[in-house]
Amino acid sequence: MKNKQAVENLTKARKLIKDENNWTTGYLALDIDGNEVSPRSKKAVAFCALGAVRHIDGPGEKKAIKFLIEVANGRTGQNYKDSTSIFEVNDEGEHADTIDMFTQAIRLAKKQ
């Protein structure tokens, strides 16, 4: 599979925020006290969609973000080249919308 690393990143990131208690809006990542931290911090316990991908890190990160952008653009009707549409889906939608965005991005990555 050509996008194996991206699929791995997306799958791990989705798993990370599958529990709604580990998901957040408005910030890339929060610590246990609700303070903003780097998504790569060991103190991070809750993540937005992009923060989860960045927390997983690794060689598939950039492609994973590309697939999330493509799916999010389709949902928002936008054509952003950056992660703006990811934030729109994550911050303006429900937790289930974010999880579904990951599921669709994983399918897309597997097809390409």
C-alpha atoms as a PDB file:
ATOM      1  CA  MET A   1       0.000   0.000   0.000  1.00  0.00           C
ATOM      2  CA  LYS A   2       1.437   3.311  -1.144  1.00  0.00           C
ATOM      3  CA  ASN A   3       0.132   5.360   1.791  1.00  0.00           C
ATOM      4  CA  LYS A   4       0.787   2.812   4.540  1.00  0.00           C
ATOM      5  CA  GLN A   5       2.446   5.317   6.889  1.00  0.00           C
ATOM      6  CA  ALA A   6      -0.374   7.841   6.467  1.00  0.00           C
ATOM      7  CA  VAL A   7      -2.961   5.113   7.145  1.00  0.00           C
ATOM      8  CA  GLU A   8      -1.059   4.075  10.275  1.00  0.00           C
ATOM      9  CA  ASN A   9      -0.897   7.672  11.506  1.00  0.00           C
ATOM     10  CA  LEU A  10      -4.591   8.300  10.831  1.00  0.00           C
ATOM     11  CA  THR A  11      -5.609   5.022  12.471  1.00  0.00           C
ATOM     12  CA  LYS A  12      -3.553   5.695  15.604  1.00  0.00           C
ATOM     13  CA  ALA A  13      -4.773   9.300  15.807  1.00  0.00           C
ATOM     14  CA  ARG A  14      -8.412   8.204  15.470  1.00  0.00           C
ATOM     15  CA  LYS A  15      -7.889   5.634  18.211  1.00  0.00           C
ATOM     16  CA  LEU A  16      -6.300   8.313  20.409  1.00  0.00           C
ATOM     17  CA  ILE A  17      -9.422  10.504  20.302  1.00  0.00           C
ATOM     18  CA  LYS A  18     -12.027   7.736  19.983  1.00  0.00           C
ATOM     19  CA  ASP A  19     -12.922   8.301  23.631  1.00  0.00           C
ATOM     20  CA  GLU A  20     -14.597  11.701  23.699  1.00  0.00           C
ATOM     21  CA  ASN A  21     -12.728  12.531  26.928  1.00  0.00           C
ATOM     22  CA  ASN A  22      -9.503  12.509  24.871  1.00  0.00           C
ATOM     23  CA  TRP A  23     -10.876  14.915  22.261  1.00  0.00           C
ATOM     24  CA  THR A  24     -11.001  18.705  22.430  1.00  0.00           C
ATOM     25  CA  THR A  25     -11.973  21.728  20.398  1.00  0.00           C
ATOM     26  CA  GLY A  26     -10.316  25.106  20.149  1.00  0.00           C
ATOM     27  CA  TYR A  27      -6.842  23.820  21.000  1.00  0.00           C
ATOM     28  CA  LEU A  28      -4.393  21.365  19.475  1.00  0.00           C
ATOM     29  CA  ALA A  29      -3.896  19.684  22.850  1.00  0.00           C
ATOM     30  CA  LEU A  30      -4.699  20.057  26.542  1.00  0.00           C
ATOM     31  CA  ASP A  31      -3.125  18.619  29.676  1.00  0.00           C
ATOM     32  CA  ILE A  32      -5.073  16.959  32.495  1.00  0.00           C
ATOM     33  CA  ASP A  33      -5.805  20.374  34.054  1.00  0.00           C
ATOM     34  CA  GLY A  34      -7.222  21.786  30.809  1.00  0.00           C
ATOM     35  CA  ASN A  35      -4.170  23.897  30.019  1.00  0.00           C
ATOM     36  CA  GLU A  36      -2.977  24.242  26.432  1.00  0.00           C
ATOM     37  CA  VAL A  37       0.164  22.211  25.695  1.00  0.00           C
ATOM     38  CA  SER A  38       2.032  21.108  22.607  1.00  0.00           C
ATOM     39  CA  PRO A  39       0.395  18.109  20.945  1.00  0.00           C
ATOM     40  CA  ARG A  40       3.791  16.402  21.135  1.00  0.00           C
ATOM     41  CA  SER A  41       3.987  16.916  24.913  1.00  0.00           C
ATOM     42  CA  LYS A  42       3.894  13.871  27.164  1.00  0.00           C
ATOM     43  CA  LYS A  43       1.513  15.892  29.349  1.00  0.00           C
ATOM     44  CA  ALA A  44      -1.102  16.098  26.576  1.00  0.00           C
ATOM     45  CA  VAL A  45      -4.245  14.066  27.281  1.00  0.00           C
ATOM     46  CA  ALA A  46      -6.861  15.592  24.955  1.00  0.00           C
ATOM     47  CA  PHE A  47      -6.423  16.480  21.294  1.00  0.00           C
ATOM     48  CA  CYS A  48      -8.250  18.017  18.379  1.00  0.00           C
ATOM     49  CA  ALA A  49      -8.036  16.146  15.069  1.00  0.00           C
ATOM     50  CA  LEU A  50      -4.856  17.884  13.932  1.00  0.00           C
ATOM     51  CA  GLY A  51      -3.310  17.663  17.397  1.00  0.00           C
ATOM     52  CA  ALA A  52      -3.881  13.904  17.451  1.00  0.00           C
ATOM     53  CA  VAL A  53      -2.093  13.478  14.116  1.00  0.00           C
ATOM     54  CA  ARG A  54       0.801  15.612  15.329  1.00  0.00           C
ATOM     55  CA  HIS A  55       0.974  13.681  18.605  1.00  0.00           C
ATOM     56  CA  ILE A  56       1.341  10.392  16.734  1.00  0.00           C
ATOM     57  CA  ASP A  57       4.102  11.996  14.658  1.00  0.00           C
ATOM     58  CA  GLY A  58       6.183   9.880  12.316  1.00  0.00           C
ATOM     59  CA  PRO A  59       6.838   9.749   8.589  1.00  0.00           C
ATOM     60  CA  GLY A  60       3.152   9.567   7.620  1.00  0.00           C
ATOM     61  CA  GLU A  61       2.157  12.813   9.341  1.00  0.00           C
ATOM     62  CA  LYS A  62       2.202  15.170   6.337  1.00  0.00           C
ATOM     63  CA  LYS A  63       0.289  12.776   4.086  1.00  0.00           C
ATOM     64  CA  ALA A  64      -2.192  12.044   6.891  1.00  0.00           C
ATOM     65  CA  ILE A  65      -2.908  15.765   7.202  1.00  0.00           C
ATOM     66  CA  LYS A  66      -3.290  16.007   3.410  1.00  0.00           C
ATOM     67  CA  PHE A  67      -5.974  13.306   3.450  1.00  0.00           C
ATOM     68  CA  LEU A  68      -7.787  14.942   6.367  1.00  0.00           C
ATOM     69  CA  ILE A  69      -7.755  18.273   4.511  1.00  0.00           C
ATOM     70  CA  GLU A  70      -9.229  16.626   1.419  1.00  0.00           C
ATOM     71  CA  VAL A  71     -12.056  15.015   3.401  1.00  0.00           C
ATOM     72  CA  ALA A  72     -12.686  18.135   5.490  1.00  0.00           C
ATOM     73  CA  ASN A  73     -12.795  20.339   2.382  1.00  0.00           C
ATOM     74  CA  GLY A  74     -15.447  18.042   0.964  1.00  0.00           C
ATOM     75  CA  ARG A  75     -17.517  18.363   4.128  1.00  0.00           C
ATOM     76  CA  THR A  76     -17.208  22.130   4.422  1.00  0.00           C
ATOM     77  CA  GLY A  77     -17.463  22.908   0.716  1.00  0.00           C
ATOM     78  CA  GLN A  78     -14.168  24.772   0.921  1.00  0.00           C
ATOM     79  CA  ASN A  79     -10.934  24.387  -1.006  1.00  0.00           C
ATOM     80  CA  TYR A  80      -8.365  25.218   1.649  1.00  0.00           C
ATOM     81  CA  LYS A  81      -4.772  24.149   1.071  1.00  0.00           C
ATOM     82  CA  ASP A  82      -3.995  24.347   4.800  1.00  0.00           C
ATOM     83  CA  SER A  83      -5.650  22.766   7.842  1.00  0.00           C
ATOM     84  CA  THR A  84      -8.437  25.359   8.206  1.00  0.00           C
ATOM     85  CA  SER A  85     -11.127  22.904   7.094  1.00  0.00           C
ATOM     86  CA  ILE A  86      -9.909  20.304   9.616  1.00  0.00           C
ATOM     87  CA  PHE A  87     -10.432  22.854  12.390  1.00  0.00           C
ATOM     88  CA  GLU A  88     -13.894  23.703  11.019  1.00  0.00           C
ATOM     89  CA  VAL A  89     -15.022  20.061  11.146  1.00  0.00           C
ATOM     90  CA  ASN A  90     -13.395  19.459  14.532  1.00  0.00           C
ATOM     91  CA  ASP A  91     -14.442  22.689  16.264  1.00  0.00           C
ATOM     92  CA  GLU A  92     -17.852  23.300  14.721  1.00  0.00           C
ATOM     93  CA  GLY A  93     -19.057  19.711  14.555  1.00  0.00           C
ATOM     94  CA  GLU A  94     -19.630  16.918  17.015  1.00  0.00           C
ATOM     95  CA  HIS A  95     -17.114  14.325  18.195  1.00  0.00           C
ATOM     96  CA  ALA A  96     -18.718  11.776  15.861  1.00  0.00           C
ATOM     97  CA  ASP A  97     -18.093  14.106  12.899  1.00  0.00           C
ATOM     98  CA  THR A  98     -14.381  14.201  13.716  1.00  0.00           C
ATOM     99  CA  ILE A  99     -14.157  10.419  14.076  1.00  0.00           C
ATOM    100  CA  ASP A 100     -16.005   9.995  10.771  1.00  0.00           C
ATOM    101  CA  MET A 101     -13.606  12.455   9.108  1.00  0.00           C
ATOM    102  CA  PHE A 102     -10.740  10.163  10.158  1.00  0.00           C
ATOM    103  CA  THR A 103     -12.576   7.074   8.908  1.00  0.00           C
ATOM    104  CA  GLN A 104     -13.123   8.681   5.510  1.00  0.00           C
ATOM    105  CA  ALA A 105      -9.499   9.891   5.346  1.00  0.00           C
ATOM    106  CA  ILE A 106      -8.275   6.359   6.074  1.00  0.00           C
ATOM    107  CA  ARG A 107     -10.471   4.981   3.266  1.00  0.00           C
ATOM    108  CA  LEU A 108      -9.193   7.650   0.898  1.00  0.00           C
ATOM    109  CA  ALA A 109      -5.563   6.955   1.791  1.00  0.00           C
ATOM    110  CA  LYS A 110      -6.062   3.238   1.206  1.00  0.00           C
ATOM    111  CA  LYS A 111      -7.566   3.873  -2.247  1.00  0.00           C
ATOM    112  CA  GLN A 112      -4.786   6.124  -3.509  1.00  0.00           C
END
